[in-house]
Amino acid sequence: MVVLIMKGSVIMKKLISIILVIFILVSCAATAGAEVILSEVLSAETFTAKDGAVLPYRLHVPENYDAEKEYPIILFLHGAGNRGDDNLSPISAHMVMMERIMGGETMEYEGKTVRICDEVIVIIPQCAKGMQWVDTPWGKQPDPSYSLDEVAQSQYMTAVLELLDDVKGKYNVNENKMYVTGLSRGGFGTWDIITRYPDMFAAAVPMGGAGDLARADVIKDIPIWTFHQYLDNTVSSLGTQNIVKELVKVGGNIKFSGYFEYTHNAWKKGYAEEDLFTWLFAQSKDNRPAAKESIVLNAGEAFKGDIALLYASGLMSDEYAAIYKNDITRQQFCQALAPVLPDAENSAEPFEDTDNAEVAKAYALGIVNGVSATSFEPERNITREEICTMLGRAFKIMKSEVADGEELL
């Protein structure tokens, strides 16, 4: 804060001093939600990699930086549309995350309420035009996932790693609290960097990307919160869905949030998640959450990938953990799905072989059918075809309950 005191003899003779107080926003807004111009509060820097690649980047270091204190790092990787060398495009759009940080938002951290911008170093590199964080096509259908065995680390990902080392050499960084996030091509980059370097980051937040399905076991201990639009019209959501399923199989620390809008932009809502920063800064490499028990169902048709997806989305609670290890029955499926379904107008018990309320509710909503007018066969194992049919019906119902693309999962 700069205080300017303007004095004039006439004013003094009239017994009045005029004091003008001007708040200059140097690093982040004084109050949460204040409008902030990122190009003015993030310093523009340039890094040259060992191979000569030039990496423009934006940097935020807390205004009250204390060399005796260790700071977390957030590495942000932009999407394909923000490539170039202007050091401006990456912070000109899709920056809900940085607007929250630099806008003065607070959070509970280490037992006290703090402004996020006072607690973290942020690095936002810019990839050159024609180059990629990951050298793989993003529009591949139906699944944009790729294999690290076939895709070498990209030139600009190597430059990012060198930049990280450079920043760590200049500032006192808490290497137990290094985080990476990215959107679209940056989502690919996020999956890529944690898979190639699983011991580097404490947590990851990939949005609208894809990774290597065969290496889920490598990253299962990393807390990951991933986001995607189910109806993504640019990068198929199957990339995210399938890696989530693989992580669930191996007991990964995975959270998945999906949205129902016909767009690629999952990050507008994802980075606006109220508890995103609280969750992120709670993660530390020296205190990782206990790994979840692997969810491996019986061989063959028994593994229900769709159930794994629902589990990671929070639609199926740990209360049903025992169910995941075995074939799930038709009644158990109804029980697991019921908590997220809307109330049914008429949920009378229609079957003679079960009086289960969740079955009645799912039936009344049109999600499940009986095998006859009076029989449901509640103890029969559900088939994959039935799961897909029931999930399709459930998604339609849940989608109708939300407005304007409100978060569903």
Protein backbone atom coordinates (compact mmCIF):
# COMPACT_ATOMS: atom_id res chain seq x y z
CA MET A 1 0.00 0.00 0.00
CA VAL A 2 1.32 3.44 -0.93
CA VAL A 3 0.02 6.45 0.97
CA LEU A 4 0.30 9.75 -0.82
CA ILE A 5 -0.12 12.83 1.38
CA MET A 6 -0.80 15.98 -0.64
CA LYS A 7 -0.02 19.20 1.19
CA GLY A 8 -0.71 22.75 0.14
CA SER A 9 -0.36 25.97 2.10
CA VAL A 10 -3.91 27.04 1.32
CA ILE A 11 -5.31 23.75 2.46
CA MET A 12 -3.21 23.77 5.60
CA LYS A 13 -4.38 27.29 6.44
CA LYS A 14 -7.96 26.04 6.17
CA LEU A 15 -7.06 23.41 8.82
CA ILE A 16 -7.61 20.47 6.43
CA SER A 17 -5.10 17.92 5.20
CA ILE A 18 -6.13 15.86 2.19
CA ILE A 19 -4.95 12.29 2.38
CA LEU A 20 -5.25 10.17 -0.70
CA VAL A 21 -4.81 6.45 -0.17
CA ILE A 22 -4.13 4.40 -3.27
CA PHE A 23 -4.00 0.64 -3.20
CA ILE A 24 -1.58 -0.64 -5.80
CA LEU A 25 -2.16 -4.27 -6.69
CA VAL A 26 1.32 -5.66 -7.12
CA SER A 27 0.89 -9.40 -6.84
CA CYS A 28 -2.72 -10.25 -6.08
CA ALA A 29 -5.95 -8.50 -5.33
CA ALA A 30 -6.54 -7.23 -1.82
CA THR A 31 -9.94 -8.84 -1.51
CA ALA A 32 -11.30 -12.12 -2.80
CA GLY A 33 -13.19 -11.80 -6.04
CA ALA A 34 -11.56 -8.51 -7.02
CA GLU A 35 -11.02 -8.04 -10.74
CA VAL A 36 -7.44 -8.67 -11.70
CA ILE A 37 -5.56 -8.23 -14.99
CA LEU A 38 -3.23 -11.23 -15.14
CA SER A 39 -0.82 -9.65 -17.61
CA GLU A 40 -0.14 -6.95 -15.03
CA VAL A 41 0.35 -9.16 -11.99
CA LEU A 42 2.25 -12.12 -13.47
CA SER A 43 5.82 -11.37 -14.43
CA ALA A 44 6.84 -12.13 -18.03
CA GLU A 45 9.98 -14.25 -18.18
CA THR A 46 11.94 -16.23 -20.78
CA PHE A 47 13.87 -19.46 -20.37
CA THR A 48 16.24 -21.03 -22.88
CA ALA A 49 16.59 -24.81 -22.67
CA LYS A 50 19.83 -26.70 -23.16
CA ASP A 51 18.88 -27.54 -26.74
CA GLY A 52 18.15 -23.89 -27.53
CA ALA A 53 14.35 -24.10 -27.30
CA VAL A 54 13.00 -20.78 -26.05
CA LEU A 55 10.23 -21.02 -23.48
CA PRO A 56 8.37 -17.82 -22.61
CA TYR A 57 6.63 -18.16 -19.27
CA ARG A 58 4.64 -16.25 -16.71
CA LEU A 59 5.69 -16.43 -13.10
CA HIS A 60 3.98 -15.62 -9.84
CA VAL A 61 6.07 -15.39 -6.69
CA PRO A 62 4.33 -14.22 -3.50
CA GLU A 63 4.81 -10.51 -2.91
CA ASN A 64 5.89 -11.23 0.65
CA TYR A 65 8.27 -14.03 -0.43
CA ASP A 66 10.34 -15.26 2.52
CA ALA A 67 13.57 -17.04 1.60
CA GLU A 68 13.39 -18.97 4.86
CA LYS A 69 10.01 -20.46 3.99
CA GLU A 70 9.33 -23.33 1.58
CA TYR A 71 6.63 -22.67 -1.04
CA PRO A 72 4.45 -25.08 -3.05
CA ILE A 73 4.57 -24.83 -6.84
CA ILE A 74 1.73 -25.07 -9.34
CA LEU A 75 2.80 -25.82 -12.91
CA PHE A 76 0.07 -24.91 -15.42
CA LEU A 77 0.12 -26.28 -18.99
CA HIS A 78 -2.07 -24.48 -21.54
CA GLY A 79 -4.00 -25.85 -24.50
CA ALA A 80 -3.13 -26.00 -28.21
CA GLY A 81 -4.84 -22.72 -29.02
CA ASN A 82 -2.49 -20.79 -26.72
CA ARG A 83 0.78 -21.83 -28.35
CA GLY A 84 3.13 -19.14 -29.63
CA ASP A 85 5.79 -16.78 -28.33
CA ASP A 86 3.81 -13.75 -27.14
CA ASN A 87 3.82 -14.82 -23.47
CA LEU A 88 0.27 -13.51 -23.34
CA SER A 89 -2.08 -16.01 -24.96
CA PRO A 90 -1.80 -18.62 -22.17
CA ILE A 91 -3.14 -16.11 -19.61
CA SER A 92 -5.67 -14.43 -21.89
CA ALA A 93 -8.32 -17.14 -21.79
CA HIS A 94 -9.46 -20.14 -19.76
CA MET A 95 -7.76 -18.77 -16.65
CA VAL A 96 -10.39 -19.31 -13.97
CA MET A 97 -7.72 -20.92 -11.81
CA MET A 98 -5.35 -17.93 -11.95
CA GLU A 99 -8.18 -15.45 -11.55
CA ARG A 100 -9.06 -17.20 -8.31
CA ILE A 101 -5.47 -17.26 -7.11
CA MET A 102 -4.57 -13.72 -8.09
CA GLY A 103 -8.00 -12.39 -7.18
CA GLY A 104 -7.22 -12.75 -3.51
CA GLU A 105 -9.24 -15.89 -2.76
CA THR A 106 -8.56 -17.40 0.65
CA MET A 107 -8.39 -20.97 1.88
CA GLU A 108 -7.69 -22.88 5.05
CA TYR A 109 -4.04 -23.91 4.95
CA GLU A 110 -1.85 -25.30 7.71
CA GLY A 111 -4.35 -24.31 10.38
CA LYS A 112 -5.04 -20.75 9.30
CA THR A 113 -6.91 -18.72 6.71
CA VAL A 114 -4.55 -17.45 4.02
CA ARG A 115 -4.69 -15.86 0.59
CA ILE A 116 -3.71 -18.48 -1.96
CA CYS A 117 -1.49 -16.01 -3.79
CA ASP A 118 0.63 -15.56 -0.65
CA GLU A 119 1.39 -19.27 -0.37
CA VAL A 120 2.31 -20.55 -3.81
CA ILE A 121 4.67 -20.06 -6.75
CA VAL A 122 2.96 -20.48 -10.13
CA ILE A 123 4.70 -21.24 -13.44
CA ILE A 124 2.85 -20.90 -16.78
CA PRO A 125 5.14 -21.82 -19.73
CA GLN A 126 4.17 -21.28 -23.37
CA CYS A 127 4.74 -23.95 -26.00
CA ALA A 128 5.87 -22.80 -29.47
CA LYS A 129 3.54 -22.87 -32.46
CA GLY A 130 3.61 -26.20 -34.25
CA MET A 131 4.96 -27.94 -31.15
CA GLN A 132 3.18 -29.92 -28.43
CA TRP A 133 3.55 -30.88 -24.79
CA VAL A 134 2.89 -34.45 -25.98
CA ASP A 135 3.59 -35.50 -29.58
CA THR A 136 0.36 -37.39 -30.16
CA PRO A 137 -2.85 -36.49 -32.05
CA TRP A 138 -5.58 -35.15 -29.80
CA GLY A 139 -8.51 -35.81 -32.13
CA LYS A 140 -7.93 -39.55 -32.39
CA GLN A 141 -11.21 -41.46 -32.20
CA PRO A 142 -12.79 -43.13 -30.44
CA ASP A 143 -10.11 -42.98 -27.73
CA PRO A 144 -7.22 -40.44 -27.85
CA SER A 145 -5.11 -42.41 -25.35
CA TYR A 146 -1.55 -43.21 -26.38
CA SER A 147 1.45 -45.33 -25.36
CA LEU A 148 4.62 -43.86 -23.88
CA ASP A 149 6.46 -46.75 -25.51
CA GLU A 150 5.57 -45.23 -28.88
CA VAL A 151 5.70 -41.52 -28.01
CA ALA A 152 8.97 -40.05 -26.80
CA GLN A 153 9.08 -37.12 -24.40
CA SER A 154 8.53 -33.95 -26.44
CA GLN A 155 11.10 -31.20 -26.86
CA TYR A 156 8.95 -28.68 -25.01
CA MET A 157 8.15 -31.02 -22.15
CA THR A 158 11.90 -31.41 -21.70
CA ALA A 159 12.19 -27.63 -21.65
CA VAL A 160 9.47 -27.43 -19.00
CA LEU A 161 11.38 -29.84 -16.77
CA GLU A 162 14.53 -27.74 -17.14
CA LEU A 163 12.50 -24.62 -16.33
CA LEU A 164 11.22 -26.28 -13.16
CA ASP A 165 14.77 -27.01 -12.08
CA ASP A 166 15.71 -23.40 -12.82
CA VAL A 167 12.88 -22.02 -10.67
CA LYS A 168 13.71 -24.44 -7.87
CA GLY A 169 17.27 -23.16 -7.97
CA LYS A 170 16.14 -19.56 -7.52
CA TYR A 171 13.44 -19.97 -4.90
CA ASN A 172 12.88 -22.02 -1.78
CA VAL A 173 10.47 -24.67 -3.03
CA ASN A 174 8.65 -27.32 -1.02
CA GLU A 175 9.31 -30.32 -3.23
CA ASN A 176 6.75 -32.35 -1.31
CA LYS A 177 4.10 -29.94 -2.56
CA MET A 178 4.64 -29.58 -6.28
CA TYR A 179 1.42 -29.72 -8.31
CA VAL A 180 0.70 -29.91 -12.03
CA THR A 181 -2.47 -29.09 -13.92
CA GLY A 182 -3.40 -28.43 -17.53
CA LEU A 183 -6.28 -28.21 -19.93
CA SER A 184 -6.84 -29.85 -23.31
CA ARG A 185 -3.33 -30.40 -24.71
CA GLY A 186 -2.15 -29.35 -21.28
CA GLY A 187 -4.36 -32.12 -19.92
CA PHE A 188 -2.41 -34.57 -22.09
CA GLY A 189 0.76 -32.93 -20.79
CA THR A 190 -0.35 -33.39 -17.19
CA TRP A 191 -0.99 -37.11 -17.62
CA ASP A 192 2.29 -37.39 -19.54
CA ILE A 193 4.55 -35.70 -17.01
CA ILE A 194 3.20 -37.59 -14.00
CA THR A 195 3.48 -40.89 -15.84
CA ARG A 196 7.08 -40.27 -16.91
CA TYR A 197 8.00 -38.80 -13.50
CA PRO A 198 5.66 -40.35 -10.91
CA ASP A 199 7.79 -39.24 -7.97
CA MET A 200 7.90 -35.56 -8.93
CA PHE A 201 4.42 -34.23 -8.12
CA ALA A 202 2.26 -34.42 -5.03
CA ALA A 203 -0.99 -34.20 -7.01
CA ALA A 204 -2.30 -33.62 -10.52
CA VAL A 205 -5.39 -32.01 -12.05
CA PRO A 206 -5.69 -32.92 -15.77
CA MET A 207 -8.64 -31.51 -17.70
CA GLY A 208 -9.89 -32.67 -21.09
CA GLY A 209 -6.86 -34.81 -21.89
CA ALA A 210 -5.74 -38.45 -22.16
CA GLY A 211 -2.80 -40.61 -21.15
CA ASP A 212 -1.27 -44.08 -21.27
CA LEU A 213 -3.82 -46.69 -20.14
CA ALA A 214 -1.17 -49.37 -19.72
CA ARG A 215 0.67 -47.42 -17.02
CA ALA A 216 -2.09 -46.78 -14.51
CA ASP A 217 -0.18 -48.78 -11.94
CA VAL A 218 2.74 -46.33 -12.22
CA ILE A 219 0.62 -43.35 -11.11
CA LYS A 220 -1.85 -45.04 -8.78
CA ASP A 221 -0.32 -43.48 -5.65
CA ILE A 222 -0.60 -39.91 -6.97
CA PRO A 223 -3.79 -38.11 -5.90
CA ILE A 224 -5.45 -37.12 -9.19
CA TRP A 225 -8.63 -35.13 -9.75
CA THR A 226 -9.51 -35.23 -13.44
CA PHE A 227 -12.25 -33.46 -15.38
CA HIS A 228 -13.86 -33.93 -18.79
CA GLN A 229 -17.02 -33.07 -20.70
CA TYR A 230 -18.81 -36.33 -21.46
CA LEU A 231 -19.97 -34.85 -24.78
CA ASP A 232 -16.59 -33.33 -25.64
CA ASN A 233 -16.59 -32.48 -29.34
CA THR A 234 -12.80 -31.97 -29.61
CA VAL A 235 -11.04 -34.55 -27.41
CA SER A 236 -13.13 -37.66 -26.80
CA SER A 237 -13.92 -38.16 -23.13
CA LEU A 238 -13.13 -41.86 -23.55
CA GLY A 239 -9.48 -40.99 -22.96
CA THR A 240 -10.28 -39.78 -19.47
CA GLN A 241 -12.97 -42.36 -18.81
CA ASN A 242 -10.72 -45.26 -19.71
CA ILE A 243 -7.72 -44.15 -17.67
CA VAL A 244 -10.04 -43.56 -14.71
CA LYS A 245 -11.31 -47.12 -15.07
CA GLU A 246 -7.76 -48.46 -15.17
CA LEU A 247 -6.83 -46.48 -12.06
CA VAL A 248 -9.87 -47.76 -10.22
CA LYS A 249 -8.84 -51.30 -11.10
CA VAL A 250 -5.45 -50.86 -9.43
CA GLY A 251 -6.72 -48.93 -6.41
CA GLY A 252 -5.57 -45.50 -7.60
CA ASN A 253 -6.16 -42.24 -5.72
CA ILE A 254 -8.46 -40.95 -8.44
CA LYS A 255 -11.37 -38.50 -8.49
CA PHE A 256 -13.38 -37.87 -11.64
CA SER A 257 -15.80 -35.03 -12.39
CA GLY A 258 -17.74 -35.11 -15.64
CA TYR A 259 -20.06 -32.49 -17.10
CA PHE A 260 -22.86 -32.78 -19.63
CA GLU A 261 -22.32 -30.00 -22.15
CA TYR A 262 -21.57 -30.33 -25.84
CA THR A 263 -18.24 -28.57 -25.58
CA HIS A 264 -14.56 -29.22 -24.95
CA ASN A 265 -14.42 -26.75 -22.08
CA ALA A 266 -14.42 -28.73 -18.84
CA TRP A 267 -12.05 -26.29 -17.16
CA LYS A 268 -14.46 -23.38 -16.77
CA LYS A 269 -16.40 -25.41 -14.23
CA GLY A 270 -13.49 -27.59 -13.13
CA TYR A 271 -11.24 -24.75 -12.01
CA ALA A 272 -14.25 -23.14 -10.35
CA GLU A 273 -14.81 -26.16 -8.07
CA GLU A 274 -15.17 -24.64 -4.62
CA ASP A 275 -12.93 -27.12 -2.83
CA LEU A 276 -10.32 -27.53 -5.57
CA PHE A 277 -7.54 -25.60 -3.85
CA THR A 278 -8.32 -27.01 -0.42
CA TRP A 279 -8.04 -30.50 -1.90
CA LEU A 280 -4.91 -29.66 -3.90
CA PHE A 281 -2.88 -28.06 -1.11
CA ALA A 282 -3.80 -30.86 1.29
CA GLN A 283 -1.77 -33.25 -0.88
CA SER A 284 1.88 -33.84 -0.02
CA LYS A 285 4.34 -36.49 -1.16
CA ASP A 286 5.40 -37.09 2.43
CA ASN A 287 1.83 -37.74 3.53
CA ARG A 288 -0.05 -39.32 0.69
CA PRO A 289 -3.51 -40.80 1.27
CA ALA A 290 -3.60 -44.51 1.83
CA ALA A 291 -4.03 -46.33 -1.45
CA LYS A 292 -7.49 -47.63 -2.12
CA GLU A 293 -7.89 -51.36 -2.23
CA SER A 294 -7.64 -52.65 -5.75
CA ILE A 295 -11.04 -53.20 -7.32
CA VAL A 296 -10.53 -56.28 -9.42
CA LEU A 297 -13.70 -58.17 -10.20
CA ASN A 298 -13.86 -61.75 -11.34
CA ALA A 299 -12.27 -62.68 -14.63
CA GLY A 300 -13.94 -62.20 -17.97
CA GLU A 301 -17.18 -60.29 -18.25
CA ALA A 302 -17.31 -59.66 -14.51
CA PHE A 303 -15.34 -56.40 -14.52
CA LYS A 304 -17.76 -53.57 -15.05
CA GLY A 305 -15.77 -50.58 -16.26
CA ASP A 306 -18.84 -48.40 -16.03
CA ILE A 307 -19.14 -49.16 -12.34
CA ALA A 308 -15.49 -48.20 -11.90
CA LEU A 309 -16.26 -44.87 -13.54
CA LEU A 310 -19.20 -44.27 -11.25
CA TYR A 311 -17.05 -45.15 -8.25
CA ALA A 312 -14.36 -42.62 -9.17
CA SER A 313 -17.08 -40.04 -9.77
CA GLY A 314 -18.31 -40.46 -6.23
CA LEU A 315 -21.61 -41.96 -7.35
CA MET A 316 -20.85 -45.19 -5.59
CA SER A 317 -19.64 -44.86 -2.04
CA ASP A 318 -17.10 -46.93 -0.13
CA GLU A 319 -20.06 -48.50 1.62
CA TYR A 320 -20.29 -50.78 -1.40
CA ALA A 321 -16.57 -51.57 -1.61
CA ALA A 322 -17.19 -55.27 -1.01
CA ILE A 323 -19.50 -55.35 -4.01
CA TYR A 324 -16.77 -54.16 -6.36
CA LYS A 325 -14.68 -57.25 -5.75
CA ASN A 326 -17.31 -59.59 -7.07
CA ASP A 327 -20.02 -59.73 -9.66
CA ILE A 328 -22.67 -57.22 -8.72
CA THR A 329 -26.28 -58.30 -8.56
CA ARG A 330 -29.20 -56.46 -10.09
CA GLN A 331 -30.41 -55.39 -6.66
CA GLN A 332 -26.96 -54.26 -5.52
CA PHE A 333 -26.65 -52.10 -8.61
CA CYS A 334 -29.92 -50.37 -7.78
CA GLN A 335 -28.76 -49.86 -4.19
CA ALA A 336 -25.49 -48.28 -5.28
CA LEU A 337 -27.10 -45.98 -7.83
CA ALA A 338 -30.12 -44.89 -5.79
CA PRO A 339 -28.46 -42.11 -3.69
CA VAL A 340 -27.85 -39.91 -6.73
CA LEU A 341 -31.24 -40.43 -8.35
CA PRO A 342 -34.14 -37.98 -7.94
CA ASP A 343 -37.16 -39.00 -5.90
CA ALA A 344 -39.77 -41.06 -7.70
CA GLU A 345 -43.41 -40.04 -7.63
CA ASN A 346 -44.56 -43.61 -7.25
CA SER A 347 -42.14 -46.08 -5.72
CA ALA A 348 -44.51 -48.84 -4.68
CA GLU A 349 -42.88 -52.27 -4.51
CA PRO A 350 -43.86 -53.92 -7.81
CA PHE A 351 -42.18 -57.32 -7.52
CA GLU A 352 -42.95 -60.44 -5.55
CA ASP A 353 -39.31 -61.56 -5.19
CA THR A 354 -37.95 -58.36 -3.60
CA ASP A 355 -39.29 -55.61 -1.36
CA ASN A 356 -36.13 -53.49 -1.71
CA ALA A 357 -36.93 -49.76 -1.76
CA GLU A 358 -34.02 -48.89 -4.07
CA VAL A 359 -35.19 -51.42 -6.65
CA ALA A 360 -38.68 -49.95 -6.44
CA LYS A 361 -37.30 -46.44 -6.91
CA ALA A 362 -35.17 -47.40 -9.93
CA TYR A 363 -38.15 -49.20 -11.45
CA ALA A 364 -40.49 -46.24 -10.90
CA LEU A 365 -37.97 -43.95 -12.64
CA GLY A 366 -37.80 -46.30 -15.61
CA ILE A 367 -34.16 -47.26 -15.08
CA VAL A 368 -34.64 -50.99 -14.51
CA ASN A 369 -37.15 -53.52 -15.78
CA GLY A 370 -38.45 -56.73 -14.28
CA VAL A 371 -37.88 -60.04 -16.00
CA SER A 372 -41.66 -60.46 -15.82
CA ALA A 373 -44.61 -58.54 -14.45
CA THR A 374 -43.97 -59.87 -10.93
CA SER A 375 -40.32 -60.97 -10.90
CA PHE A 376 -37.09 -58.91 -10.74
CA GLU A 377 -34.51 -61.65 -10.05
CA PRO A 378 -32.65 -59.44 -7.54
CA GLU A 379 -29.86 -61.95 -6.82
CA ARG A 380 -28.96 -62.56 -10.45
CA ASN A 381 -25.66 -61.01 -11.49
CA ILE A 382 -26.18 -58.00 -13.70
CA THR A 383 -24.81 -58.20 -17.24
CA ARG A 384 -22.75 -55.56 -18.98
CA GLU A 385 -25.59 -54.96 -21.44
CA GLU A 386 -27.95 -54.29 -18.54
CA ILE A 387 -25.47 -51.93 -16.93
CA CYS A 388 -25.06 -49.91 -20.12
CA THR A 389 -28.81 -49.74 -20.60
CA MET A 390 -29.47 -48.72 -17.02
CA LEU A 391 -26.65 -46.14 -16.97
CA GLY A 392 -27.96 -44.61 -20.18
CA ARG A 393 -31.39 -44.21 -18.64
CA ALA A 394 -29.95 -42.90 -15.36
CA PHE A 395 -27.78 -40.31 -17.12
CA LYS A 396 -30.79 -39.02 -19.07
CA ILE A 397 -32.76 -38.64 -15.86
CA MET A 398 -29.93 -36.97 -13.97
CA LYS A 399 -29.20 -34.68 -16.90
CA SER A 400 -32.82 -33.53 -16.91
CA GLU A 401 -32.45 -32.62 -13.24
CA VAL A 402 -29.69 -30.07 -13.89
CA ALA A 403 -29.84 -26.81 -15.81
CA ASP A 404 -27.47 -25.24 -18.28
CA GLY A 405 -24.76 -27.86 -17.95
CA GLU A 406 -24.58 -27.74 -14.15
CA GLU A 407 -22.16 -30.32 -12.84
CA LEU A 408 -23.67 -33.76 -12.80
CA LEU A 409 -20.94 -36.02 -11.49
